[in-house]
Amino acid sequence: MSKPIHPVEKIFNRYGFVTFMVAASLTLAIIIYACFNTFVIATTPKEDRIDSSIPASFDKETADKINNLHDSTNPPNVDTPTNLRRSNPFVE
């Protein structure tokens, strides 16, 4: 004679796969939420660490570099070799 099955065992035999899938899904959801929350906390600076002052002027070195740039009316002199022919790699 077989032993009588306990009601809890009967439920797990019938719905074991569903119970496993629900538990796995909940675990995965909790892990994703924890990772997202960690990402948000890591990328959001604290209010006392934010410096909202923007410099309104350049330093002397940067101003000199900007003034030394050429404009389109004064193009730079670039020498391009015009007498060099490209060789054809398919010629025997």
Protein backbone atom coordinates (compact mmCIF):
# COMPACT_ATOMS: atom_id res chain seq x y z
CA MET A 1 0.00 0.00 0.00
CA SER A 2 1.18 3.43 -0.79
CA LYS A 3 1.54 6.03 1.86
CA PRO A 4 -1.14 8.76 1.84
CA ILE A 5 0.09 12.01 0.27
CA HIS A 6 0.16 15.06 2.51
CA PRO A 7 -1.87 18.03 1.13
CA VAL A 8 1.20 20.30 0.99
CA GLU A 9 3.12 17.68 -0.97
CA LYS A 10 0.18 17.36 -3.33
CA ILE A 11 0.21 21.13 -3.96
CA PHE A 12 3.97 21.14 -4.65
CA ASN A 13 3.66 18.16 -6.97
CA ARG A 14 0.94 19.87 -8.94
CA TYR A 15 2.21 23.48 -8.92
CA GLY A 16 5.95 22.97 -8.40
CA PHE A 17 7.00 24.37 -11.76
CA VAL A 18 4.73 27.41 -11.41
CA THR A 19 6.04 28.03 -7.89
CA PHE A 20 9.62 27.80 -9.14
CA MET A 21 8.96 30.20 -12.04
CA VAL A 22 7.26 32.74 -9.76
CA ALA A 23 10.11 32.56 -7.24
CA ALA A 24 12.72 32.89 -9.99
CA SER A 25 10.89 35.85 -11.56
CA LEU A 26 10.57 37.64 -8.23
CA THR A 27 14.25 37.06 -7.48
CA LEU A 28 15.24 38.39 -10.90
CA ALA A 29 13.00 41.44 -10.48
CA ILE A 30 14.54 42.22 -7.09
CA ILE A 31 18.06 41.90 -8.51
CA ILE A 32 17.25 44.18 -11.46
CA TYR A 33 15.66 46.76 -9.15
CA ALA A 34 18.68 46.69 -6.83
CA CYS A 35 21.09 47.13 -9.76
CA PHE A 36 19.06 50.00 -11.19
CA ASN A 37 18.82 51.67 -7.80
CA THR A 38 22.59 51.36 -7.35
CA PHE A 39 23.14 52.88 -10.81
CA VAL A 40 20.84 55.82 -10.06
CA ILE A 41 22.50 56.51 -6.72
CA ALA A 42 25.98 56.29 -8.27
CA THR A 43 25.19 58.68 -11.13
CA THR A 44 23.25 61.29 -9.17
CA PRO A 45 25.58 63.71 -7.37
CA LYS A 46 24.71 65.03 -3.95
CA GLU A 47 23.41 68.59 -3.77
CA ASP A 48 26.39 69.87 -1.78
CA ARG A 49 28.81 68.48 -4.40
CA ILE A 50 27.29 70.41 -7.33
CA ASP A 51 29.23 73.53 -8.29
CA SER A 52 26.99 75.82 -10.28
CA SER A 53 29.51 78.59 -10.90
CA ILE A 54 30.47 78.93 -14.55
CA PRO A 55 33.59 80.95 -15.39
CA ALA A 56 32.69 84.01 -17.45
CA SER A 57 36.13 84.64 -18.95
CA PHE A 58 39.09 82.78 -20.40
CA ASP A 59 42.54 82.69 -18.93
CA LYS A 60 45.36 84.48 -20.79
CA GLU A 61 46.79 81.31 -22.37
CA THR A 62 43.43 80.26 -23.85
CA ALA A 63 42.72 83.78 -25.13
CA ASP A 64 46.11 83.83 -26.91
CA LYS A 65 45.41 80.45 -28.54
CA ILE A 66 42.05 81.69 -29.82
CA ASN A 67 43.59 84.89 -31.20
CA ASN A 68 46.27 82.90 -33.05
CA LEU A 69 43.71 80.85 -35.01
CA HIS A 70 43.43 81.78 -38.68
CA ASP A 71 40.18 82.80 -40.33
CA SER A 72 38.80 81.86 -43.73
CA THR A 73 40.14 85.02 -45.42
CA ASN A 74 43.68 83.97 -44.57
CA PRO A 75 43.93 80.26 -45.47
CA PRO A 76 47.09 78.41 -44.47
CA ASN A 77 49.66 77.68 -47.15
CA VAL A 78 49.53 73.95 -47.85
CA ASP A 79 51.85 72.39 -50.42
CA THR A 80 50.29 69.46 -52.25
CA PRO A 81 52.48 67.40 -54.58
CA THR A 82 50.80 67.45 -58.00
CA ASN A 83 53.42 65.69 -60.14
CA LEU A 84 53.27 62.36 -58.30
CA ARG A 85 51.19 59.76 -60.07
CA ARG A 86 49.54 56.93 -58.28
CA SER A 87 50.70 53.55 -59.43
CA ASN A 88 48.15 51.08 -60.71
CA PRO A 89 48.42 47.84 -58.74
CA PHE A 90 46.72 45.85 -61.52
CA VAL A 91 49.34 46.56 -64.19
CA GLU A 92 51.65 43.61 -64.92
